[in-house]
Amino acid sequence: IPICMNHKSSFRAASNPVIFLLAMLFILSSCSKKMSFSTSAVVPAAEGSVKIKKDKNENYAVNLTVRHLSAPDRLMEPKNLYVVWANTNENGVRNMGQLKSGHGLFSKALSGNLKTVTTFEPVNFFITAEKDASIPYPEGQVVLTTK
């Protein structure tokens, strides 16, 4: 769909806002992907999502956010921290890093986020409660997974 090739095509795109909006939605949706976490039996109040965007260098920017997550030391099997993992087609399970957590200003609900970049395309994500963030493979309890 030509959007701004010349005055005539520019007029056609502007005169049909439905085509223009569909083209823009297609362009924007092809640039990024969003995954939501499933409801967890371990931390049922927790909710969150992951946004993945491929950059110009063919890397994947990951922006993960979680809300209403229990402190890891309050789980049935107490741990020190949460680690985010990605399943990839090319390189198996990858440690994406520690989920940075904090309390909201007016809330006691624990929230967490992780922003990172990976060279491997993530297929899905899961979060485990761990004693150490630098482990190569998950050892602790899985608390959240993406759909």
N, C-alpha and C. Protein backbone atom coordinates (compact mmCIF):
# COMPACT_ATOMS: atom_id res chain seq x y z
N ILE A 1 0.86 -1.18 0.00
CA ILE A 1 0.00 0.00 0.00
C ILE A 1 0.89 1.23 0.00
N PRO A 2 0.90 1.99 -1.09
CA PRO A 2 1.70 3.21 -1.09
C PRO A 2 1.06 4.25 -0.19
N ILE A 3 1.84 4.82 0.70
CA ILE A 3 1.29 5.81 1.62
C ILE A 3 1.66 7.22 1.20
N CYS A 4 2.90 7.45 0.79
CA CYS A 4 3.32 8.80 0.43
C CYS A 4 4.23 8.78 -0.78
N MET A 5 3.85 8.14 -1.84
CA MET A 5 4.69 8.07 -3.03
C MET A 5 4.64 9.36 -3.84
N ASN A 6 3.43 9.91 -4.01
CA ASN A 6 3.27 11.18 -4.70
C ASN A 6 1.99 11.84 -4.21
N HIS A 7 1.62 12.94 -4.78
CA HIS A 7 0.43 13.65 -4.30
C HIS A 7 -0.83 12.81 -4.47
N LYS A 8 -0.97 12.10 -5.60
CA LYS A 8 -2.17 11.31 -5.85
C LYS A 8 -2.27 10.15 -4.88
N SER A 9 -1.20 9.39 -4.67
CA SER A 9 -1.27 8.25 -3.76
C SER A 9 -1.42 8.73 -2.33
N SER A 10 -0.82 9.86 -1.99
CA SER A 10 -0.98 10.43 -0.66
C SER A 10 -2.44 10.80 -0.43
N PHE A 11 -3.09 11.35 -1.45
CA PHE A 11 -4.49 11.71 -1.34
C PHE A 11 -5.34 10.45 -1.17
N ARG A 12 -5.04 9.37 -1.92
CA ARG A 12 -5.80 8.12 -1.80
C ARG A 12 -5.70 7.54 -0.40
N ALA A 13 -4.50 7.49 0.18
CA ALA A 13 -4.33 6.94 1.52
C ALA A 13 -5.04 7.81 2.55
N ALA A 14 -4.93 9.14 2.38
CA ALA A 14 -5.57 10.04 3.33
C ALA A 14 -7.09 9.99 3.20
N SER A 15 -7.60 9.72 1.99
CA SER A 15 -9.05 9.69 1.80
C SER A 15 -9.66 8.39 2.29
N ASN A 16 -8.87 7.36 2.53
CA ASN A 16 -9.38 6.11 3.05
C ASN A 16 -8.69 5.79 4.38
N PRO A 17 -9.22 6.34 5.47
CA PRO A 17 -8.56 6.17 6.77
C PRO A 17 -8.54 4.72 7.25
N VAL A 18 -9.47 3.89 6.80
CA VAL A 18 -9.48 2.49 7.21
C VAL A 18 -8.24 1.78 6.69
N ILE A 19 -7.91 1.99 5.41
CA ILE A 19 -6.72 1.37 4.82
C ILE A 19 -5.47 1.88 5.53
N PHE A 20 -5.43 3.17 5.79
CA PHE A 20 -4.28 3.76 6.48
C PHE A 20 -4.11 3.15 7.87
N LEU A 21 -5.19 3.04 8.65
CA LEU A 21 -5.12 2.47 10.00
C LEU A 21 -4.71 1.00 9.96
N LEU A 22 -5.25 0.23 9.03
CA LEU A 22 -4.87 -1.18 8.92
C LEU A 22 -3.39 -1.32 8.57
N ALA A 23 -2.91 -0.49 7.67
CA ALA A 23 -1.49 -0.54 7.31
C ALA A 23 -0.61 -0.20 8.51
N MET A 24 -0.99 0.82 9.26
CA MET A 24 -0.21 1.21 10.43
C MET A 24 -0.24 0.12 11.50
N LEU A 25 -1.39 -0.50 11.72
CA LEU A 25 -1.47 -1.59 12.70
C LEU A 25 -0.60 -2.76 12.28
N PHE A 26 -0.61 -3.09 11.00
CA PHE A 26 0.23 -4.17 10.50
C PHE A 26 1.71 -3.86 10.72
N ILE A 27 2.12 -2.65 10.40
CA ILE A 27 3.51 -2.25 10.55
C ILE A 27 3.92 -2.29 12.01
N LEU A 28 3.09 -1.75 12.90
CA LEU A 28 3.42 -1.73 14.32
C LEU A 28 3.41 -3.12 14.93
N SER A 29 2.44 -3.96 14.54
CA SER A 29 2.36 -5.29 15.14
C SER A 29 3.49 -6.19 14.66
N SER A 30 4.03 -5.96 13.48
CA SER A 30 5.12 -6.78 13.00
C SER A 30 6.44 -6.42 13.68
N CYS A 31 6.48 -5.28 14.34
CA CYS A 31 7.71 -4.84 15.00
C CYS A 31 7.86 -5.38 16.41
N SER A 32 6.76 -5.70 17.07
CA SER A 32 6.86 -6.16 18.45
C SER A 32 5.81 -7.23 18.73
N LYS A 33 6.07 -7.96 19.83
CA LYS A 33 5.19 -9.04 20.24
C LYS A 33 4.98 -8.90 21.74
N LYS A 34 3.78 -9.24 22.22
CA LYS A 34 3.48 -9.17 23.64
C LYS A 34 2.96 -10.52 24.11
N MET A 35 3.49 -11.00 25.24
CA MET A 35 3.05 -12.24 25.86
C MET A 35 2.59 -11.93 27.28
N SER A 36 1.54 -12.61 27.71
CA SER A 36 1.05 -12.44 29.08
C SER A 36 1.38 -13.67 29.91
N PHE A 37 1.57 -13.47 31.20
CA PHE A 37 1.80 -14.59 32.10
C PHE A 37 0.48 -15.23 32.48
N SER A 38 0.48 -16.56 32.58
CA SER A 38 -0.71 -17.31 33.01
C SER A 38 -0.88 -17.15 34.51
N THR A 39 -2.10 -17.37 35.00
CA THR A 39 -2.37 -17.35 36.43
C THR A 39 -1.60 -18.49 37.08
N SER A 40 -0.99 -18.21 38.20
CA SER A 40 -0.12 -19.17 38.87
C SER A 40 -0.76 -19.71 40.15
N ALA A 41 -0.58 -21.00 40.39
CA ALA A 41 -1.04 -21.60 41.65
C ALA A 41 -0.12 -21.21 42.80
N VAL A 42 1.14 -20.89 42.48
CA VAL A 42 2.13 -20.54 43.49
C VAL A 42 1.92 -19.11 43.99
N VAL A 43 1.71 -18.18 43.08
CA VAL A 43 1.45 -16.77 43.40
C VAL A 43 0.22 -16.32 42.60
N PRO A 44 -0.99 -16.69 43.05
CA PRO A 44 -2.19 -16.46 42.24
C PRO A 44 -2.53 -15.00 41.95
N ALA A 45 -2.09 -14.08 42.76
CA ALA A 45 -2.40 -12.67 42.52
C ALA A 45 -1.48 -12.04 41.48
N ALA A 46 -0.38 -12.70 41.18
CA ALA A 46 0.61 -12.12 40.26
C ALA A 46 0.08 -12.05 38.84
N GLU A 47 0.43 -10.96 38.16
CA GLU A 47 0.07 -10.77 36.76
C GLU A 47 1.17 -9.97 36.09
N GLY A 48 1.34 -10.22 34.81
CA GLY A 48 2.39 -9.49 34.12
C GLY A 48 2.44 -9.82 32.65
N SER A 49 3.39 -9.19 31.97
CA SER A 49 3.53 -9.40 30.53
C SER A 49 4.97 -9.15 30.11
N VAL A 50 5.26 -9.60 28.89
CA VAL A 50 6.58 -9.42 28.30
C VAL A 50 6.37 -8.83 26.91
N LYS A 51 7.10 -7.76 26.61
CA LYS A 51 7.10 -7.19 25.27
C LYS A 51 8.46 -7.47 24.64
N ILE A 52 8.41 -7.96 23.40
CA ILE A 52 9.64 -8.28 22.68
C ILE A 52 9.65 -7.47 21.39
N LYS A 53 10.77 -6.84 21.12
CA LYS A 53 10.88 -6.04 19.91
C LYS A 53 12.23 -6.33 19.26
N LYS A 54 12.20 -6.67 17.98
CA LYS A 54 13.43 -6.94 17.23
C LYS A 54 14.01 -5.60 16.78
N ASP A 55 15.30 -5.40 17.05
CA ASP A 55 15.92 -4.13 16.68
C ASP A 55 16.64 -4.23 15.34
N LYS A 56 17.22 -3.13 14.91
CA LYS A 56 17.87 -3.08 13.60
C LYS A 56 19.10 -3.97 13.50
N ASN A 57 19.66 -4.38 14.64
CA ASN A 57 20.82 -5.27 14.66
C ASN A 57 20.43 -6.75 14.77
N GLU A 58 19.14 -7.03 14.59
CA GLU A 58 18.62 -8.40 14.67
C GLU A 58 18.68 -8.98 16.07
N ASN A 59 18.72 -8.13 17.09
CA ASN A 59 18.64 -8.54 18.49
C ASN A 59 17.21 -8.37 18.96
N TYR A 60 16.89 -8.98 20.10
CA TYR A 60 15.54 -8.91 20.65
C TYR A 60 15.58 -8.16 21.98
N ALA A 61 14.91 -7.01 22.02
CA ALA A 61 14.80 -6.22 23.24
C ALA A 61 13.63 -6.78 24.04
N VAL A 62 13.87 -7.12 25.29
CA VAL A 62 12.86 -7.73 26.16
C VAL A 62 12.53 -6.75 27.27
N ASN A 63 11.24 -6.49 27.45
CA ASN A 63 10.76 -5.62 28.52
C ASN A 63 9.67 -6.38 29.28
N LEU A 64 10.02 -6.87 30.47
CA LEU A 64 9.12 -7.70 31.27
C LEU A 64 8.68 -6.93 32.50
N THR A 65 7.38 -6.98 32.80
CA THR A 65 6.86 -6.36 34.02
C THR A 65 5.91 -7.33 34.71
N VAL A 66 5.96 -7.34 36.05
CA VAL A 66 5.10 -8.19 36.87
C VAL A 66 4.61 -7.36 38.04
N ARG A 67 3.35 -7.58 38.41
CA ARG A 67 2.76 -6.90 39.59
C ARG A 67 2.16 -7.95 40.52
N HIS A 68 2.01 -7.58 41.78
CA HIS A 68 1.37 -8.41 42.81
C HIS A 68 2.11 -9.73 43.03
N LEU A 69 3.42 -9.67 43.00
CA LEU A 69 4.25 -10.84 43.19
C LEU A 69 4.69 -10.90 44.65
N SER A 70 4.54 -12.05 45.28
CA SER A 70 4.98 -12.21 46.67
C SER A 70 6.49 -12.10 46.75
N ALA A 71 6.97 -11.66 47.89
CA ALA A 71 8.42 -11.64 48.10
C ALA A 71 8.92 -13.08 48.06
N PRO A 72 10.07 -13.34 47.44
CA PRO A 72 10.54 -14.73 47.30
C PRO A 72 10.79 -15.43 48.63
N ASP A 73 11.09 -14.68 49.68
CA ASP A 73 11.33 -15.31 50.98
C ASP A 73 10.03 -15.68 51.69
N ARG A 74 8.87 -15.36 51.09
CA ARG A 74 7.57 -15.71 51.69
C ARG A 74 6.90 -16.88 50.99
N LEU A 75 7.57 -17.49 50.03
CA LEU A 75 7.02 -18.65 49.32
C LEU A 75 7.08 -19.89 50.22
N MET A 76 6.37 -20.96 49.81
CA MET A 76 6.41 -22.21 50.57
C MET A 76 7.84 -22.73 50.69
N GLU A 77 8.61 -22.59 49.61
CA GLU A 77 10.04 -22.88 49.61
C GLU A 77 10.76 -21.54 49.51
N PRO A 78 11.08 -20.91 50.64
CA PRO A 78 11.67 -19.56 50.60
C PRO A 78 12.97 -19.50 49.80
N LYS A 79 13.09 -18.43 49.00
CA LYS A 79 14.28 -18.20 48.19
C LYS A 79 14.69 -16.74 48.33
N ASN A 80 15.79 -16.38 47.68
CA ASN A 80 16.33 -15.02 47.81
C ASN A 80 15.84 -14.05 46.74
N LEU A 81 15.54 -14.58 45.54
CA LEU A 81 15.24 -13.69 44.42
C LEU A 81 14.50 -14.45 43.33
N TYR A 82 14.06 -13.69 42.33
CA TYR A 82 13.41 -14.29 41.15
C TYR A 82 14.33 -14.15 39.95
N VAL A 83 14.38 -15.21 39.12
CA VAL A 83 15.16 -15.19 37.89
C VAL A 83 14.23 -15.41 36.71
N VAL A 84 14.45 -14.64 35.65
CA VAL A 84 13.65 -14.74 34.43
C VAL A 84 14.41 -15.64 33.45
N TRP A 85 13.68 -16.58 32.83
CA TRP A 85 14.24 -17.51 31.86
C TRP A 85 13.48 -17.39 30.55
N ALA A 86 14.20 -17.62 29.46
CA ALA A 86 13.57 -17.64 28.13
C ALA A 86 13.84 -18.98 27.47
N ASN A 87 12.80 -19.56 26.89
CA ASN A 87 12.98 -20.72 26.03
C ASN A 87 13.22 -20.18 24.63
N THR A 88 14.26 -20.68 23.96
CA THR A 88 14.57 -20.25 22.60
C THR A 88 14.63 -21.47 21.69
N ASN A 89 14.36 -21.28 20.42
CA ASN A 89 14.48 -22.37 19.46
C ASN A 89 15.93 -22.71 19.19
N GLU A 90 16.79 -21.71 19.12
CA GLU A 90 18.17 -21.91 18.71
C GLU A 90 19.11 -22.31 19.83
N ASN A 91 18.80 -21.92 21.07
CA ASN A 91 19.79 -22.10 22.13
C ASN A 91 19.19 -22.59 23.44
N GLY A 92 18.05 -23.27 23.43
CA GLY A 92 17.47 -23.83 24.65
C GLY A 92 17.05 -22.78 25.65
N VAL A 93 17.15 -23.13 26.92
CA VAL A 93 16.75 -22.25 28.02
C VAL A 93 17.89 -21.30 28.36
N ARG A 94 17.56 -20.01 28.43
CA ARG A 94 18.56 -18.97 28.72
C ARG A 94 18.18 -18.17 29.96
N ASN A 95 19.16 -17.93 30.84
CA ASN A 95 18.97 -17.07 32.00
C ASN A 95 18.99 -15.63 31.49
N MET A 96 17.85 -14.93 31.62
CA MET A 96 17.76 -13.55 31.15
C MET A 96 18.17 -12.54 32.21
N GLY A 97 18.19 -12.99 33.47
CA GLY A 97 18.62 -12.09 34.54
C GLY A 97 17.66 -12.09 35.71
N GLN A 98 18.07 -11.38 36.73
CA GLN A 98 17.28 -11.27 37.96
C GLN A 98 16.14 -10.29 37.76
N LEU A 99 14.97 -10.65 38.24
CA LEU A 99 13.83 -9.75 38.21
C LEU A 99 14.05 -8.69 39.28
N LYS A 100 14.18 -7.45 38.84
CA LYS A 100 14.37 -6.34 39.78
C LYS A 100 13.03 -6.01 40.41
N SER A 101 12.97 -6.01 41.73
CA SER A 101 11.68 -5.82 42.39
C SER A 101 11.71 -4.64 43.33
N GLY A 102 10.51 -4.18 43.64
CA GLY A 102 10.35 -3.06 44.56
C GLY A 102 8.90 -2.91 44.93
N HIS A 103 8.66 -2.11 45.92
CA HIS A 103 7.30 -1.84 46.36
C HIS A 103 6.81 -0.55 45.73
N GLY A 104 5.53 -0.52 45.37
CA GLY A 104 4.93 0.69 44.83
C GLY A 104 4.82 1.75 45.92
N LEU A 105 4.70 2.99 45.53
CA LEU A 105 4.63 4.11 46.47
C LEU A 105 3.43 4.01 47.39
N PHE A 106 2.26 3.66 46.86
CA PHE A 106 1.04 3.61 47.66
C PHE A 106 0.53 2.19 47.82
N SER A 107 1.36 1.21 47.56
CA SER A 107 0.91 -0.16 47.55
C SER A 107 1.92 -1.06 48.23
N LYS A 108 1.42 -2.14 48.82
CA LYS A 108 2.30 -3.14 49.39
C LYS A 108 2.55 -4.26 48.39
N ALA A 109 1.95 -4.18 47.21
CA ALA A 109 2.11 -5.20 46.18
C ALA A 109 3.51 -5.12 45.58
N LEU A 110 4.19 -6.24 45.57
CA LEU A 110 5.52 -6.28 45.00
C LEU A 110 5.43 -6.23 43.48
N SER A 111 6.22 -5.39 42.88
CA SER A 111 6.27 -5.32 41.42
C SER A 111 7.71 -5.58 40.99
N GLY A 112 7.85 -6.00 39.76
CA GLY A 112 9.19 -6.28 39.28
C GLY A 112 9.29 -6.02 37.79
N ASN A 113 10.51 -5.78 37.33
CA ASN A 113 10.72 -5.59 35.90
C ASN A 113 12.11 -6.05 35.51
N LEU A 114 12.24 -6.31 34.23
CA LEU A 114 13.53 -6.68 33.65
C LEU A 114 13.55 -6.16 32.23
N LYS A 115 14.58 -5.41 31.93
CA LYS A 115 14.81 -4.94 30.55
C LYS A 115 16.17 -5.47 30.15
N THR A 116 16.19 -6.21 29.03
CA THR A 116 17.43 -6.80 28.57
C THR A 116 17.38 -7.03 27.06
N VAL A 117 18.47 -7.47 26.50
CA VAL A 117 18.56 -7.75 25.07
C VAL A 117 19.17 -9.14 24.90
N THR A 118 18.67 -9.89 23.92
CA THR A 118 19.21 -11.21 23.63
C THR A 118 19.37 -11.38 22.12
N THR A 119 20.33 -12.19 21.73
CA THR A 119 20.54 -12.46 20.31
C THR A 119 19.65 -13.60 19.82
N PHE A 120 19.10 -14.37 20.76
CA PHE A 120 18.25 -15.52 20.40
C PHE A 120 16.78 -15.14 20.54
N GLU A 121 15.96 -15.55 19.58
CA GLU A 121 14.54 -15.23 19.62
C GLU A 121 13.83 -16.01 20.72
N PRO A 122 13.24 -15.32 21.71
CA PRO A 122 12.52 -16.00 22.78
C PRO A 122 11.19 -16.55 22.27
N VAL A 123 10.88 -17.79 22.67
CA VAL A 123 9.62 -18.41 22.32
C VAL A 123 8.61 -18.19 23.44
N ASN A 124 9.05 -18.37 24.67
CA ASN A 124 8.23 -18.07 25.85
C ASN A 124 9.15 -17.82 27.04
N PHE A 125 8.54 -17.40 28.15
CA PHE A 125 9.31 -17.03 29.34
C PHE A 125 8.73 -17.72 30.57
N PHE A 126 9.59 -17.91 31.57
CA PHE A 126 9.11 -18.35 32.88
C PHE A 126 10.00 -17.75 33.95
N ILE A 127 9.46 -17.66 35.15
CA ILE A 127 10.16 -17.05 36.28
C ILE A 127 10.26 -18.09 37.38
N THR A 128 11.46 -18.23 37.95
CA THR A 128 11.68 -19.16 39.06
C THR A 128 12.16 -18.40 40.28
N ALA A 129 11.90 -18.98 41.45
CA ALA A 129 12.44 -18.46 42.70
C ALA A 129 13.76 -19.19 42.94
N GLU A 130 14.83 -18.44 43.15
CA GLU A 130 16.17 -19.03 43.26
C GLU A 130 16.94 -18.43 44.44
N LYS A 131 18.02 -19.11 44.82
CA LYS A 131 18.92 -18.60 45.86
C LYS A 131 19.99 -17.68 45.26
N ASP A 132 20.32 -17.90 43.96
CA ASP A 132 21.39 -17.14 43.31
C ASP A 132 20.94 -16.78 41.89
N ALA A 133 21.28 -15.60 41.40
CA ALA A 133 20.86 -15.14 40.07
C ALA A 133 21.77 -15.63 38.95
N SER A 134 22.97 -16.05 39.26
CA SER A 134 23.93 -16.38 38.20
C SER A 134 23.95 -17.86 37.82
N ILE A 135 22.92 -18.60 38.12
CA ILE A 135 22.89 -20.02 37.79
C ILE A 135 22.62 -20.23 36.30
N PRO A 136 23.22 -21.28 35.70
CA PRO A 136 23.04 -21.50 34.26
C PRO A 136 21.72 -22.18 33.89
N TYR A 137 21.13 -22.92 34.84
CA TYR A 137 19.87 -23.63 34.60
C TYR A 137 18.95 -23.45 35.80
N PRO A 138 17.63 -23.45 35.57
CA PRO A 138 16.70 -23.28 36.69
C PRO A 138 16.80 -24.42 37.70
N GLU A 139 16.82 -24.05 38.97
CA GLU A 139 16.87 -25.03 40.05
C GLU A 139 15.65 -24.92 40.94
N GLY A 140 15.10 -23.71 41.06
CA GLY A 140 14.00 -23.45 41.99
C GLY A 140 12.63 -23.67 41.38
N GLN A 141 11.65 -23.34 42.18
CA GLN A 141 10.25 -23.51 41.82
C GLN A 141 9.82 -22.51 40.74
N VAL A 142 9.11 -22.98 39.72
CA VAL A 142 8.56 -22.09 38.70
C VAL A 142 7.33 -21.39 39.29
N VAL A 143 7.34 -20.06 39.24
CA VAL A 143 6.22 -19.30 39.82
C VAL A 143 5.32 -18.69 38.76
N LEU A 144 5.84 -18.38 37.58
CA LEU A 144 5.03 -17.81 36.50
C LEU A 144 5.55 -18.29 35.15
N THR A 145 4.63 -18.47 34.19
CA THR A 145 5.00 -18.82 32.81
C THR A 145 4.11 -18.02 31.86
N THR A 146 4.65 -17.73 30.68
CA THR A 146 3.83 -17.07 29.67
C THR A 146 2.99 -18.11 28.97
N LYS A 147 1.91 -17.64 28.39
CA LYS A 147 0.97 -18.51 27.69
C LYS A 147 1.56 -19.00 26.39
